[in-house]
Amino acid sequence: MAKLLVVDDEKNIREVVREYAQLNGYEVDEAANGLEALNMAGSTDYDCIILDIMMPVLDGFSACKQIKQIKQVPIIMLSARQEEYDKLFGFELGVDDYVVKPFSPKELMARVKVVLDRAPKASRNILQFDGLVIDVQGRSVTVDGEKVNLTPKEIDLLLYLTAHRGIALSRTKLLEEVWNYDYFGDDRTVDSHIKMLRHNLGKYRDFIVTVRGMGYKFEA
C-alpha cells in the first residue's frame, strides 16, 4: 500500500484529499505547514507528497527544496496561483506535477497514480532481484508477477536477509534479530522457516545460500 503525505494549511482540503486517497487504497498522513511536512518526511518514507505552496511557517517551495535534499520522493504541488513562473520554478526544484486549485479530487488521484507508476522503485522502497520483487513497506512479495503468501515471520526473515545481503548470518544471529528476543529452544526453527521460505520463492530459492556450519546468506 502506497503512503501519501498531504500538506495544506486548509483542513478541509486535507480532509477531502484524504478521503479520496483512502478510497483509492492509499495510506495517508497530514501536515498543516511546510516545516511539519519537512520533519515528517525526514522520519517517514512516503511514496508521494502532495504539497501546497502558500502555507505559514515554511512555504511549499522551501519545503520542497529541503525535502528533495534528504529524500528522492515524488512531489505534486498544489497552488491557487496559475502563473507560469510558479510552475517553472516548481519544476526546477524537482516537482513531479503541478495541480491548480480548485481541483478535482478524482483528477488529483489520477495524477498520483501516474507519478507513482513512473517513480523509481528505490524511492518506493521496493527491492527487485530478477523476478523476485519485495515491497518492503507493503510487506508483500511477488515471484514473476504472482503474489506469494508468506507468513509474517517468513517475511521478517526475508527482509532481514535481503537487508544484509552478501553477509553470512549465523542461526543465533537470525534468532536474535528476527525473533526479537532470546529464543529458548532449538535453532532448527531457523532451518524450518528457511525451508518454507525457499519453497515459496520457487525458482529463486537459490538466492538463499546455506553457509556450511554457520547459517545462511542472501545472494542474488
N, C-alpha and C. Protein backbone atom coordinates (compact mmCIF):
# COMPACT_ATOMS: atom_id res chain seq x y z
N MET A 1 0.84 -1.20 0.00
CA MET A 1 0.00 0.00 0.00
C MET A 1 0.88 1.25 0.00
N ALA A 2 0.70 2.12 -0.98
CA ALA A 2 1.48 3.35 -1.04
C ALA A 2 1.05 4.31 0.06
N LYS A 3 2.02 5.07 0.56
CA LYS A 3 1.74 6.01 1.66
C LYS A 3 1.94 7.43 1.18
N LEU A 4 0.93 8.27 1.38
CA LEU A 4 0.97 9.66 0.93
C LEU A 4 1.06 10.61 2.12
N LEU A 5 1.70 11.76 1.89
CA LEU A 5 1.67 12.85 2.86
C LEU A 5 0.97 14.02 2.20
N VAL A 6 -0.13 14.47 2.79
CA VAL A 6 -0.91 15.59 2.26
C VAL A 6 -0.61 16.82 3.11
N VAL A 7 -0.09 17.89 2.46
CA VAL A 7 0.35 19.07 3.20
C VAL A 7 -0.41 20.30 2.70
N ASP A 8 -1.24 20.86 3.57
CA ASP A 8 -2.02 22.05 3.23
C ASP A 8 -2.48 22.69 4.53
N ASP A 9 -2.45 24.03 4.59
CA ASP A 9 -2.88 24.69 5.82
C ASP A 9 -4.40 24.74 5.93
N GLU A 10 -5.12 24.38 4.86
CA GLU A 10 -6.59 24.34 4.91
C GLU A 10 -7.04 22.92 5.25
N LYS A 11 -7.62 22.78 6.43
CA LYS A 11 -8.01 21.47 6.93
C LYS A 11 -9.01 20.77 6.02
N ASN A 12 -9.96 21.55 5.45
CA ASN A 12 -10.99 20.94 4.61
C ASN A 12 -10.38 20.32 3.35
N ILE A 13 -9.34 20.95 2.81
CA ILE A 13 -8.68 20.38 1.62
C ILE A 13 -7.97 19.08 2.00
N ARG A 14 -7.29 19.09 3.15
CA ARG A 14 -6.61 17.86 3.59
C ARG A 14 -7.62 16.72 3.77
N GLU A 15 -8.77 17.05 4.33
CA GLU A 15 -9.77 16.01 4.59
C GLU A 15 -10.34 15.44 3.29
N VAL A 16 -10.59 16.31 2.30
CA VAL A 16 -11.11 15.84 1.02
C VAL A 16 -10.09 14.94 0.32
N VAL A 17 -8.84 15.39 0.30
CA VAL A 17 -7.80 14.59 -0.35
C VAL A 17 -7.62 13.25 0.38
N ARG A 18 -7.64 13.29 1.71
CA ARG A 18 -7.50 12.05 2.48
C ARG A 18 -8.62 11.07 2.14
N GLU A 19 -9.85 11.58 2.08
CA GLU A 19 -11.00 10.72 1.79
C GLU A 19 -10.85 10.03 0.44
N TYR A 20 -10.50 10.79 -0.57
CA TYR A 20 -10.36 10.20 -1.91
C TYR A 20 -9.14 9.29 -1.99
N ALA A 21 -8.06 9.65 -1.31
CA ALA A 21 -6.87 8.82 -1.32
C ALA A 21 -7.13 7.48 -0.66
N GLN A 22 -7.84 7.50 0.45
CA GLN A 22 -8.16 6.25 1.14
C GLN A 22 -9.11 5.38 0.31
N LEU A 23 -10.02 6.03 -0.40
CA LEU A 23 -10.91 5.28 -1.29
C LEU A 23 -10.13 4.60 -2.42
N ASN A 24 -8.97 5.19 -2.76
CA ASN A 24 -8.13 4.61 -3.80
C ASN A 24 -7.07 3.66 -3.24
N GLY A 25 -7.20 3.36 -1.95
CA GLY A 25 -6.32 2.36 -1.36
C GLY A 25 -5.00 2.86 -0.80
N TYR A 26 -4.87 4.19 -0.64
CA TYR A 26 -3.63 4.74 -0.12
C TYR A 26 -3.71 4.97 1.39
N GLU A 27 -2.58 4.87 2.03
CA GLU A 27 -2.45 5.27 3.43
C GLU A 27 -2.07 6.74 3.45
N VAL A 28 -2.63 7.52 4.38
CA VAL A 28 -2.45 8.97 4.33
C VAL A 28 -2.04 9.55 5.68
N ASP A 29 -1.02 10.42 5.66
CA ASP A 29 -0.68 11.27 6.79
C ASP A 29 -0.94 12.72 6.37
N GLU A 30 -1.12 13.60 7.37
CA GLU A 30 -1.39 15.01 7.08
C GLU A 30 -0.39 15.92 7.79
N ALA A 31 -0.11 17.05 7.16
CA ALA A 31 0.69 18.11 7.77
C ALA A 31 0.05 19.45 7.42
N ALA A 32 0.14 20.41 8.35
CA ALA A 32 -0.54 21.70 8.16
C ALA A 32 0.38 22.80 7.66
N ASN A 33 1.69 22.53 7.60
CA ASN A 33 2.61 23.54 7.08
C ASN A 33 3.88 22.85 6.59
N GLY A 34 4.73 23.64 5.92
CA GLY A 34 5.92 23.07 5.31
C GLY A 34 6.92 22.53 6.30
N LEU A 35 7.08 23.18 7.45
CA LEU A 35 8.03 22.72 8.45
C LEU A 35 7.61 21.36 9.02
N GLU A 36 6.32 21.24 9.30
CA GLU A 36 5.80 19.96 9.79
C GLU A 36 6.02 18.88 8.74
N ALA A 37 5.79 19.21 7.48
CA ALA A 37 6.00 18.25 6.39
C ALA A 37 7.46 17.83 6.30
N LEU A 38 8.38 18.79 6.44
CA LEU A 38 9.81 18.51 6.38
C LEU A 38 10.21 17.54 7.48
N ASN A 39 9.73 17.78 8.68
CA ASN A 39 10.05 16.89 9.80
C ASN A 39 9.50 15.49 9.59
N MET A 40 8.26 15.40 9.08
CA MET A 40 7.64 14.09 8.85
C MET A 40 8.33 13.34 7.73
N ALA A 41 8.70 14.06 6.66
CA ALA A 41 9.38 13.42 5.53
C ALA A 41 10.76 12.92 5.93
N GLY A 42 11.38 13.59 6.91
CA GLY A 42 12.69 13.16 7.36
C GLY A 42 12.67 11.89 8.17
N SER A 43 11.53 11.61 8.82
CA SER A 43 11.46 10.44 9.69
C SER A 43 10.62 9.30 9.12
N THR A 44 9.88 9.56 8.03
CA THR A 44 8.99 8.55 7.45
C THR A 44 9.21 8.47 5.95
N ASP A 45 9.17 7.26 5.41
CA ASP A 45 9.30 7.07 3.97
C ASP A 45 7.93 7.17 3.31
N TYR A 46 7.71 8.23 2.52
CA TYR A 46 6.46 8.40 1.79
C TYR A 46 6.68 8.07 0.32
N ASP A 47 5.64 7.55 -0.32
CA ASP A 47 5.72 7.23 -1.74
C ASP A 47 5.42 8.46 -2.59
N CYS A 48 4.68 9.42 -2.03
CA CYS A 48 4.36 10.64 -2.75
C CYS A 48 3.92 11.71 -1.74
N ILE A 49 4.30 12.96 -2.00
CA ILE A 49 3.90 14.08 -1.14
C ILE A 49 3.08 15.06 -1.98
N ILE A 50 1.89 15.39 -1.49
CA ILE A 50 1.03 16.39 -2.12
C ILE A 50 1.19 17.67 -1.31
N LEU A 51 1.78 18.71 -1.93
CA LEU A 51 2.29 19.84 -1.17
C LEU A 51 1.73 21.17 -1.69
N ASP A 52 1.06 21.90 -0.80
CA ASP A 52 0.55 23.23 -1.15
C ASP A 52 1.69 24.24 -1.15
N ILE A 53 1.57 25.32 -1.92
CA ILE A 53 2.62 26.34 -1.96
C ILE A 53 2.46 27.37 -0.85
N MET A 54 1.28 27.99 -0.79
CA MET A 54 1.06 29.09 0.15
C MET A 54 0.68 28.54 1.53
N MET A 55 1.68 28.49 2.42
CA MET A 55 1.45 27.99 3.78
C MET A 55 2.26 28.80 4.77
N PRO A 56 1.81 28.86 6.02
CA PRO A 56 2.57 29.58 7.05
C PRO A 56 3.80 28.77 7.49
N VAL A 57 4.65 29.41 8.26
CA VAL A 57 5.87 28.82 8.86
C VAL A 57 6.93 28.52 7.80
N LEU A 58 6.59 27.64 6.85
CA LEU A 58 7.51 27.32 5.76
C LEU A 58 6.67 27.06 4.51
N ASP A 59 6.91 27.84 3.44
CA ASP A 59 6.08 27.69 2.25
C ASP A 59 6.43 26.41 1.50
N GLY A 60 5.58 26.05 0.53
CA GLY A 60 5.73 24.80 -0.20
C GLY A 60 7.01 24.72 -1.01
N PHE A 61 7.41 25.82 -1.66
CA PHE A 61 8.64 25.82 -2.44
C PHE A 61 9.86 25.52 -1.56
N SER A 62 9.92 26.19 -0.41
CA SER A 62 11.05 25.99 0.51
C SER A 62 11.04 24.57 1.07
N ALA A 63 9.84 24.10 1.41
CA ALA A 63 9.73 22.74 1.93
C ALA A 63 10.15 21.72 0.89
N CYS A 64 9.71 21.93 -0.36
CA CYS A 64 10.06 21.03 -1.46
C CYS A 64 11.58 20.95 -1.63
N LYS A 65 12.22 22.12 -1.66
CA LYS A 65 13.67 22.16 -1.85
C LYS A 65 14.41 21.39 -0.77
N GLN A 66 13.97 21.57 0.49
CA GLN A 66 14.66 20.91 1.60
C GLN A 66 14.35 19.41 1.65
N ILE A 67 13.12 19.04 1.31
CA ILE A 67 12.76 17.62 1.29
C ILE A 67 13.56 16.89 0.22
N LYS A 68 13.69 17.51 -0.95
CA LYS A 68 14.43 16.89 -2.06
C LYS A 68 15.91 16.70 -1.72
N GLN A 69 16.42 17.49 -0.77
CA GLN A 69 17.82 17.36 -0.37
C GLN A 69 18.04 16.12 0.50
N ILE A 70 16.97 15.64 1.14
CA ILE A 70 17.13 14.49 2.03
C ILE A 70 16.45 13.23 1.52
N LYS A 71 15.45 13.37 0.63
CA LYS A 71 14.72 12.22 0.13
C LYS A 71 14.36 12.42 -1.34
N GLN A 72 14.54 11.40 -2.15
CA GLN A 72 14.10 11.46 -3.55
C GLN A 72 12.68 10.92 -3.64
N VAL A 73 11.74 11.72 -3.14
CA VAL A 73 10.33 11.32 -3.10
C VAL A 73 9.55 12.16 -4.11
N PRO A 74 8.63 11.55 -4.87
CA PRO A 74 7.81 12.33 -5.80
C PRO A 74 6.96 13.37 -5.07
N ILE A 75 6.86 14.56 -5.65
CA ILE A 75 6.08 15.65 -5.05
C ILE A 75 5.13 16.23 -6.08
N ILE A 76 3.85 16.34 -5.70
CA ILE A 76 2.85 17.02 -6.52
C ILE A 76 2.52 18.34 -5.82
N MET A 77 2.70 19.44 -6.53
CA MET A 77 2.49 20.75 -5.94
C MET A 77 1.06 21.24 -6.19
N LEU A 78 0.44 21.80 -5.15
CA LEU A 78 -0.88 22.41 -5.25
C LEU A 78 -0.74 23.92 -5.15
N SER A 79 -1.53 24.65 -5.95
CA SER A 79 -1.47 26.11 -5.84
C SER A 79 -2.73 26.75 -6.40
N ALA A 80 -3.13 27.85 -5.77
CA ALA A 80 -4.25 28.64 -6.28
C ALA A 80 -3.77 29.60 -7.36
N ARG A 81 -2.45 29.70 -7.51
CA ARG A 81 -1.87 30.61 -8.49
C ARG A 81 -1.58 29.85 -9.79
N GLN A 82 -1.85 30.51 -10.90
CA GLN A 82 -1.68 29.86 -12.20
C GLN A 82 -0.53 30.43 -13.02
N GLU A 83 0.28 31.31 -12.40
CA GLU A 83 1.36 31.94 -13.14
C GLU A 83 2.36 30.91 -13.66
N GLU A 84 2.80 31.12 -14.88
CA GLU A 84 3.77 30.21 -15.48
C GLU A 84 5.06 30.16 -14.67
N TYR A 85 5.43 31.31 -14.10
CA TYR A 85 6.67 31.36 -13.32
C TYR A 85 6.63 30.35 -12.17
N ASP A 86 5.49 30.29 -11.48
CA ASP A 86 5.38 29.37 -10.35
C ASP A 86 5.58 27.93 -10.79
N LYS A 87 4.96 27.58 -11.92
CA LYS A 87 5.08 26.21 -12.41
C LYS A 87 6.52 25.90 -12.80
N LEU A 88 7.15 26.82 -13.53
CA LEU A 88 8.53 26.59 -13.97
C LEU A 88 9.48 26.50 -12.78
N PHE A 89 9.26 27.36 -11.79
CA PHE A 89 10.11 27.33 -10.60
C PHE A 89 9.95 26.00 -9.86
N GLY A 90 8.69 25.54 -9.78
CA GLY A 90 8.43 24.26 -9.13
C GLY A 90 9.13 23.11 -9.83
N PHE A 91 9.06 23.10 -11.15
CA PHE A 91 9.71 22.02 -11.91
C PHE A 91 11.23 22.10 -11.77
N GLU A 92 11.77 23.31 -11.65
CA GLU A 92 13.21 23.45 -11.44
C GLU A 92 13.63 22.86 -10.09
N LEU A 93 12.72 22.90 -9.12
CA LEU A 93 13.00 22.34 -7.80
C LEU A 93 12.86 20.81 -7.78
N GLY A 94 12.32 20.26 -8.86
CA GLY A 94 12.16 18.81 -8.91
C GLY A 94 10.74 18.32 -8.69
N VAL A 95 9.76 19.25 -8.74
CA VAL A 95 8.36 18.86 -8.59
C VAL A 95 7.97 17.93 -9.75
N ASP A 96 7.21 16.89 -9.43
CA ASP A 96 6.83 15.90 -10.45
C ASP A 96 5.55 16.27 -11.19
N ASP A 97 4.67 17.06 -10.55
CA ASP A 97 3.45 17.51 -11.21
C ASP A 97 2.95 18.74 -10.48
N TYR A 98 2.06 19.49 -11.15
CA TYR A 98 1.58 20.77 -10.63
C TYR A 98 0.08 20.82 -10.87
N VAL A 99 -0.70 20.98 -9.79
CA VAL A 99 -2.16 20.99 -9.88
C VAL A 99 -2.68 22.33 -9.37
N VAL A 100 -3.51 22.98 -10.17
CA VAL A 100 -4.05 24.30 -9.82
C VAL A 100 -5.37 24.16 -9.08
N LYS A 101 -5.51 24.90 -7.98
CA LYS A 101 -6.77 24.96 -7.23
C LYS A 101 -7.73 25.90 -7.94
N PRO A 102 -9.05 25.65 -7.86
CA PRO A 102 -9.66 24.43 -7.32
C PRO A 102 -9.44 23.24 -8.26
N PHE A 103 -9.34 22.07 -7.68
CA PHE A 103 -9.02 20.90 -8.49
C PHE A 103 -10.04 19.79 -8.24
N SER A 104 -10.10 18.87 -9.15
CA SER A 104 -10.95 17.69 -8.99
C SER A 104 -10.17 16.63 -8.21
N PRO A 105 -10.70 16.17 -7.07
CA PRO A 105 -10.01 15.12 -6.30
C PRO A 105 -9.76 13.86 -7.14
N LYS A 106 -10.69 13.54 -8.03
CA LYS A 106 -10.51 12.36 -8.89
C LYS A 106 -9.32 12.56 -9.82
N GLU A 107 -9.20 13.78 -10.38
CA GLU A 107 -8.06 14.05 -11.26
C GLU A 107 -6.76 14.01 -10.47
N LEU A 108 -6.78 14.53 -9.26
CA LEU A 108 -5.59 14.50 -8.42
C LEU A 108 -5.14 13.07 -8.17
N MET A 109 -6.10 12.18 -7.88
CA MET A 109 -5.76 10.77 -7.64
C MET A 109 -5.20 10.12 -8.90
N ALA A 110 -5.71 10.53 -10.05
CA ALA A 110 -5.19 10.00 -11.32
C ALA A 110 -3.74 10.45 -11.50
N ARG A 111 -3.46 11.69 -11.14
CA ARG A 111 -2.10 12.20 -11.26
C ARG A 111 -1.16 11.50 -10.26
N VAL A 112 -1.68 11.22 -9.06
CA VAL A 112 -0.90 10.48 -8.07
C VAL A 112 -0.50 9.12 -8.62
N LYS A 113 -1.46 8.44 -9.24
CA LYS A 113 -1.19 7.12 -9.79
C LYS A 113 -0.10 7.17 -10.87
N VAL A 114 -0.19 8.18 -11.73
CA VAL A 114 0.81 8.32 -12.80
C VAL A 114 2.20 8.56 -12.19
N VAL A 115 2.27 9.43 -11.19
CA VAL A 115 3.55 9.73 -10.54
C VAL A 115 4.12 8.49 -9.86
N LEU A 116 3.27 7.74 -9.19
CA LEU A 116 3.73 6.52 -8.50
C LEU A 116 4.21 5.48 -9.51
N ASP A 117 3.50 5.36 -10.61
CA ASP A 117 3.86 4.36 -11.62
C ASP A 117 5.22 4.63 -12.25
N ARG A 118 5.58 5.91 -12.35
CA ARG A 118 6.85 6.22 -13.01
C ARG A 118 7.96 6.51 -12.00
N ALA A 119 7.63 6.44 -10.70
CA ALA A 119 8.64 6.72 -9.67
C ALA A 119 9.68 5.62 -9.65
N PRO A 120 10.95 5.96 -9.44
CA PRO A 120 11.99 4.93 -9.30
C PRO A 120 11.65 4.00 -8.16
N LYS A 121 11.86 2.74 -8.36
CA LYS A 121 11.50 1.76 -7.34
C LYS A 121 12.23 1.99 -6.03
N ALA A 122 13.43 2.53 -6.10
CA ALA A 122 14.18 2.75 -4.87
C ALA A 122 13.45 3.72 -3.96
N SER A 123 12.80 4.76 -4.53
CA SER A 123 12.10 5.74 -3.71
C SER A 123 10.82 5.17 -3.13
N ARG A 124 10.36 4.07 -3.70
CA ARG A 124 9.15 3.42 -3.19
C ARG A 124 9.51 2.26 -2.26
N ASN A 125 10.85 2.12 -1.96
CA ASN A 125 11.31 1.08 -1.06
C ASN A 125 10.93 -0.30 -1.57
N ILE A 126 11.18 -0.54 -2.83
CA ILE A 126 10.93 -1.84 -3.44
C ILE A 126 12.24 -2.46 -3.87
N LEU A 127 12.44 -3.70 -3.48
CA LEU A 127 13.65 -4.43 -3.85
C LEU A 127 13.31 -5.40 -4.97
N GLN A 128 14.18 -5.51 -5.96
CA GLN A 128 13.94 -6.45 -7.05
C GLN A 128 15.21 -7.22 -7.36
N PHE A 129 15.08 -8.53 -7.38
CA PHE A 129 16.17 -9.42 -7.73
C PHE A 129 15.65 -10.35 -8.82
N ASP A 130 15.96 -10.01 -10.08
CA ASP A 130 15.38 -10.72 -11.23
C ASP A 130 13.86 -10.66 -11.12
N GLY A 131 13.17 -11.80 -11.07
CA GLY A 131 11.71 -11.81 -11.00
C GLY A 131 11.16 -11.80 -9.59
N LEU A 132 12.05 -11.71 -8.60
CA LEU A 132 11.63 -11.64 -7.20
C LEU A 132 11.53 -10.18 -6.79
N VAL A 133 10.32 -9.72 -6.44
CA VAL A 133 10.09 -8.32 -6.08
C VAL A 133 9.54 -8.26 -4.66
N ILE A 134 10.19 -7.44 -3.83
CA ILE A 134 9.81 -7.32 -2.43
C ILE A 134 9.41 -5.88 -2.14
N ASP A 135 8.16 -5.68 -1.75
CA ASP A 135 7.68 -4.37 -1.33
C ASP A 135 7.89 -4.28 0.18
N VAL A 136 8.94 -3.55 0.58
CA VAL A 136 9.33 -3.52 1.99
C VAL A 136 8.25 -2.91 2.86
N GLN A 137 7.74 -1.75 2.46
CA GLN A 137 6.71 -1.09 3.26
C GLN A 137 5.40 -1.87 3.24
N GLY A 138 5.05 -2.38 2.09
CA GLY A 138 3.80 -3.14 1.97
C GLY A 138 3.91 -4.56 2.48
N ARG A 139 5.14 -5.00 2.78
CA ARG A 139 5.40 -6.36 3.28
C ARG A 139 4.74 -7.41 2.38
N SER A 140 4.98 -7.26 1.08
CA SER A 140 4.43 -8.22 0.13
C SER A 140 5.54 -8.67 -0.82
N VAL A 141 5.39 -9.89 -1.34
CA VAL A 141 6.41 -10.49 -2.20
C VAL A 141 5.73 -11.07 -3.44
N THR A 142 6.31 -10.82 -4.60
CA THR A 142 5.81 -11.43 -5.83
C THR A 142 6.96 -12.17 -6.52
N VAL A 143 6.61 -13.28 -7.14
CA VAL A 143 7.56 -14.07 -7.92
C VAL A 143 7.06 -14.11 -9.35
N ASP A 144 7.81 -13.49 -10.25
CA ASP A 144 7.41 -13.39 -11.66
C ASP A 144 5.99 -12.85 -11.81
N GLY A 145 5.67 -11.84 -11.00
CA GLY A 145 4.38 -11.18 -11.10
C GLY A 145 3.27 -11.80 -10.29
N GLU A 146 3.52 -12.98 -9.70
CA GLU A 146 2.49 -13.65 -8.90
C GLU A 146 2.77 -13.42 -7.42
N LYS A 147 1.74 -12.97 -6.68
CA LYS A 147 1.92 -12.71 -5.26
C LYS A 147 2.13 -14.02 -4.50
N VAL A 148 3.09 -14.00 -3.58
CA VAL A 148 3.41 -15.17 -2.78
C VAL A 148 2.88 -14.95 -1.37
N ASN A 149 2.20 -15.95 -0.84
CA ASN A 149 1.65 -15.85 0.51
C ASN A 149 2.68 -16.35 1.52
N LEU A 150 3.29 -15.41 2.22
CA LEU A 150 4.27 -15.75 3.24
C LEU A 150 3.70 -15.44 4.62
N THR A 151 4.15 -16.17 5.62
CA THR A 151 3.76 -15.86 7.00
C THR A 151 4.51 -14.60 7.43
N PRO A 152 4.01 -13.89 8.45
CA PRO A 152 4.71 -12.70 8.92
C PRO A 152 6.16 -12.97 9.28
N LYS A 153 6.44 -14.11 9.90
CA LYS A 153 7.81 -14.43 10.29
C LYS A 153 8.68 -14.73 9.07
N GLU A 154 8.12 -15.36 8.05
CA GLU A 154 8.87 -15.61 6.82
C GLU A 154 9.23 -14.29 6.14
N ILE A 155 8.29 -13.33 6.16
CA ILE A 155 8.59 -12.02 5.57
C ILE A 155 9.66 -11.31 6.38
N ASP A 156 9.57 -11.37 7.72
CA ASP A 156 10.60 -10.77 8.58
C ASP A 156 11.97 -11.36 8.25
N LEU A 157 12.01 -12.66 8.10
CA LEU A 157 13.27 -13.35 7.81
C LEU A 157 13.83 -12.93 6.45
N LEU A 158 12.97 -12.88 5.44
CA LEU A 158 13.40 -12.49 4.10
C LEU A 158 13.90 -11.04 4.08
N LEU A 159 13.19 -10.15 4.77
CA LEU A 159 13.59 -8.74 4.82
C LEU A 159 14.95 -8.58 5.51
N TYR A 160 15.17 -9.37 6.57
CA TYR A 160 16.45 -9.27 7.27
C TYR A 160 17.58 -9.80 6.40
N LEU A 161 17.34 -10.91 5.71
CA LEU A 161 18.36 -11.48 4.84
C LEU A 161 18.72 -10.52 3.70
N THR A 162 17.69 -9.92 3.09
CA THR A 162 17.96 -9.01 1.96
C THR A 162 18.61 -7.71 2.43
N ALA A 163 18.28 -7.27 3.64
CA ALA A 163 18.90 -6.05 4.17
C ALA A 163 20.38 -6.26 4.45
N HIS A 164 20.78 -7.53 4.63
CA HIS A 164 22.18 -7.87 4.91
C HIS A 164 22.72 -8.80 3.82
N ARG A 165 22.26 -8.57 2.58
CA ARG A 165 22.64 -9.48 1.50
C ARG A 165 24.16 -9.52 1.31
N GLY A 166 24.62 -10.74 1.05
CA GLY A 166 26.04 -10.97 0.87
C GLY A 166 26.78 -11.24 2.17
N ILE A 167 26.09 -11.10 3.29
CA ILE A 167 26.71 -11.30 4.61
C ILE A 167 26.25 -12.64 5.19
N ALA A 168 27.20 -13.46 5.63
CA ALA A 168 26.86 -14.74 6.26
C ALA A 168 26.31 -14.48 7.65
N LEU A 169 25.12 -14.98 7.92
CA LEU A 169 24.43 -14.76 9.20
C LEU A 169 24.24 -16.08 9.92
N SER A 170 24.67 -16.13 11.17
CA SER A 170 24.52 -17.37 11.94
C SER A 170 23.07 -17.58 12.32
N ARG A 171 22.73 -18.81 12.64
CA ARG A 171 21.37 -19.12 13.11
C ARG A 171 21.07 -18.34 14.39
N THR A 172 22.06 -18.24 15.27
CA THR A 172 21.87 -17.49 16.52
C THR A 172 21.56 -16.03 16.24
N LYS A 173 22.31 -15.44 15.30
CA LYS A 173 22.07 -14.04 14.94
C LYS A 173 20.66 -13.85 14.37
N LEU A 174 20.24 -14.76 13.51
CA LEU A 174 18.90 -14.67 12.93
C LEU A 174 17.82 -14.80 13.98
N LEU A 175 18.04 -15.72 14.94
CA LEU A 175 17.06 -15.87 16.02
C LEU A 175 16.96 -14.59 16.84
N GLU A 176 18.10 -14.00 17.16
CA GLU A 176 18.11 -12.79 17.99
C GLU A 176 17.46 -11.61 17.29
N GLU A 177 17.76 -11.45 15.99
CA GLU A 177 17.30 -10.27 15.27
C GLU A 177 15.89 -10.40 14.70
N VAL A 178 15.55 -11.57 14.19
CA VAL A 178 14.25 -11.75 13.53
C VAL A 178 13.15 -12.08 14.54
N TRP A 179 13.52 -12.89 15.54
CA TRP A 179 12.52 -13.26 16.53
C TRP A 179 12.44 -12.23 17.65
N ASN A 180 13.42 -11.33 17.71
CA ASN A 180 13.41 -10.17 18.61
C ASN A 180 13.41 -10.49 20.10
N TYR A 181 13.91 -11.64 20.46
CA TYR A 181 14.08 -11.95 21.87
C TYR A 181 15.05 -13.13 21.96
N ASP A 182 15.55 -13.37 23.18
CA ASP A 182 16.43 -14.52 23.38
C ASP A 182 15.60 -15.78 23.26
N TYR A 183 15.80 -16.48 22.18
CA TYR A 183 14.96 -17.63 21.86
C TYR A 183 15.40 -18.84 22.66
N PHE A 184 14.50 -19.37 23.43
CA PHE A 184 14.79 -20.58 24.21
C PHE A 184 14.28 -21.78 23.42
N GLY A 185 15.19 -22.50 22.86
CA GLY A 185 14.75 -23.65 22.07
C GLY A 185 15.80 -24.03 21.06
N ASP A 186 15.36 -24.65 20.00
CA ASP A 186 16.22 -25.26 19.01
C ASP A 186 16.45 -24.31 17.84
N ASP A 187 17.70 -24.15 17.42
CA ASP A 187 17.93 -23.26 16.28
C ASP A 187 17.47 -23.89 14.97
N ARG A 188 16.92 -25.09 15.05
CA ARG A 188 16.31 -25.68 13.85
C ARG A 188 15.05 -24.92 13.45
N THR A 189 14.57 -24.05 14.36
CA THR A 189 13.46 -23.16 14.00
C THR A 189 13.82 -22.34 12.76
N VAL A 190 15.07 -21.85 12.73
CA VAL A 190 15.53 -21.08 11.57
C VAL A 190 15.52 -21.95 10.33
N ASP A 191 16.04 -23.17 10.48
CA ASP A 191 16.11 -24.09 9.33
C ASP A 191 14.73 -24.37 8.75
N SER A 192 13.74 -24.58 9.62
CA SER A 192 12.40 -24.90 9.14
C SER A 192 11.77 -23.70 8.42
N HIS A 193 12.03 -22.50 8.92
CA HIS A 193 11.50 -21.31 8.26
C HIS A 193 12.21 -21.06 6.93
N ILE A 194 13.51 -21.30 6.89
CA ILE A 194 14.26 -21.16 5.63
C ILE A 194 13.73 -22.16 4.60
N LYS A 195 13.46 -23.37 5.04
CA LYS A 195 12.93 -24.40 4.13
C LYS A 195 11.62 -23.95 3.50
N MET A 196 10.70 -23.43 4.31
CA MET A 196 9.41 -22.98 3.80
C MET A 196 9.57 -21.75 2.92
N LEU A 197 10.48 -20.85 3.31
CA LEU A 197 10.72 -19.64 2.54
C LEU A 197 11.26 -20.00 1.16
N ARG A 198 12.21 -20.90 1.11
CA ARG A 198 12.75 -21.34 -0.18
C ARG A 198 11.66 -21.97 -1.04
N HIS A 199 10.83 -22.76 -0.43
CA HIS A 199 9.74 -23.40 -1.18
C HIS A 199 8.85 -22.34 -1.81
N ASN A 200 8.52 -21.29 -1.05
CA ASN A 200 7.62 -20.25 -1.54
C ASN A 200 8.27 -19.36 -2.60
N LEU A 201 9.60 -19.26 -2.59
CA LEU A 201 10.29 -18.43 -3.58
C LEU A 201 10.47 -19.15 -4.92
N GLY A 202 10.11 -20.42 -4.98
CA GLY A 202 10.15 -21.16 -6.23
C GLY A 202 11.52 -21.19 -6.86
N LYS A 203 11.61 -20.77 -8.11
CA LYS A 203 12.87 -20.87 -8.84
C LYS A 203 13.94 -19.92 -8.32
N TYR A 204 13.55 -19.01 -7.40
CA TYR A 204 14.53 -18.10 -6.81
C TYR A 204 14.99 -18.58 -5.43
N ARG A 205 14.71 -19.84 -5.12
CA ARG A 205 15.06 -20.41 -3.82
C ARG A 205 16.58 -20.35 -3.58
N ASP A 206 17.35 -20.45 -4.67
CA ASP A 206 18.80 -20.49 -4.52
C ASP A 206 19.41 -19.15 -4.14
N PHE A 207 18.58 -18.08 -4.11
CA PHE A 207 19.07 -16.80 -3.63
C PHE A 207 19.43 -16.89 -2.14
N ILE A 208 18.80 -17.83 -1.42
CA ILE A 208 19.12 -18.05 -0.01
C ILE A 208 20.15 -19.17 0.05
N VAL A 209 21.38 -18.80 0.37
CA VAL A 209 22.51 -19.72 0.32
C VAL A 209 22.84 -20.25 1.70
N THR A 210 23.06 -21.56 1.80
CA THR A 210 23.47 -22.17 3.06
C THR A 210 24.97 -21.97 3.26
N VAL A 211 25.34 -21.43 4.41
CA VAL A 211 26.75 -21.29 4.78
C VAL A 211 27.07 -22.43 5.73
N ARG A 212 27.80 -23.40 5.23
CA ARG A 212 28.04 -24.64 5.97
C ARG A 212 28.63 -24.38 7.35
N GLY A 213 28.01 -24.99 8.36
CA GLY A 213 28.49 -24.89 9.72
C GLY A 213 28.19 -23.57 10.40
N MET A 214 27.42 -22.70 9.73
CA MET A 214 27.15 -21.39 10.33
C MET A 214 25.68 -21.00 10.23
N GLY A 215 25.20 -20.77 8.99
CA GLY A 215 23.82 -20.31 8.85
C GLY A 215 23.48 -20.07 7.40
N TYR A 216 23.07 -18.81 7.09
CA TYR A 216 22.58 -18.51 5.74
C TYR A 216 22.99 -17.09 5.32
N LYS A 217 22.91 -16.86 4.01
CA LYS A 217 23.05 -15.51 3.48
C LYS A 217 22.22 -15.39 2.21
N PHE A 218 21.88 -14.15 1.87
CA PHE A 218 21.11 -13.87 0.66
C PHE A 218 22.07 -13.39 -0.40
N GLU A 219 22.05 -14.06 -1.57
CA GLU A 219 22.93 -13.69 -2.65
C GLU A 219 22.15 -13.73 -3.94
N ALA A 220 22.13 -12.60 -4.67
CA ALA A 220 21.41 -12.55 -5.95
C ALA A 220 22.19 -11.69 -6.91
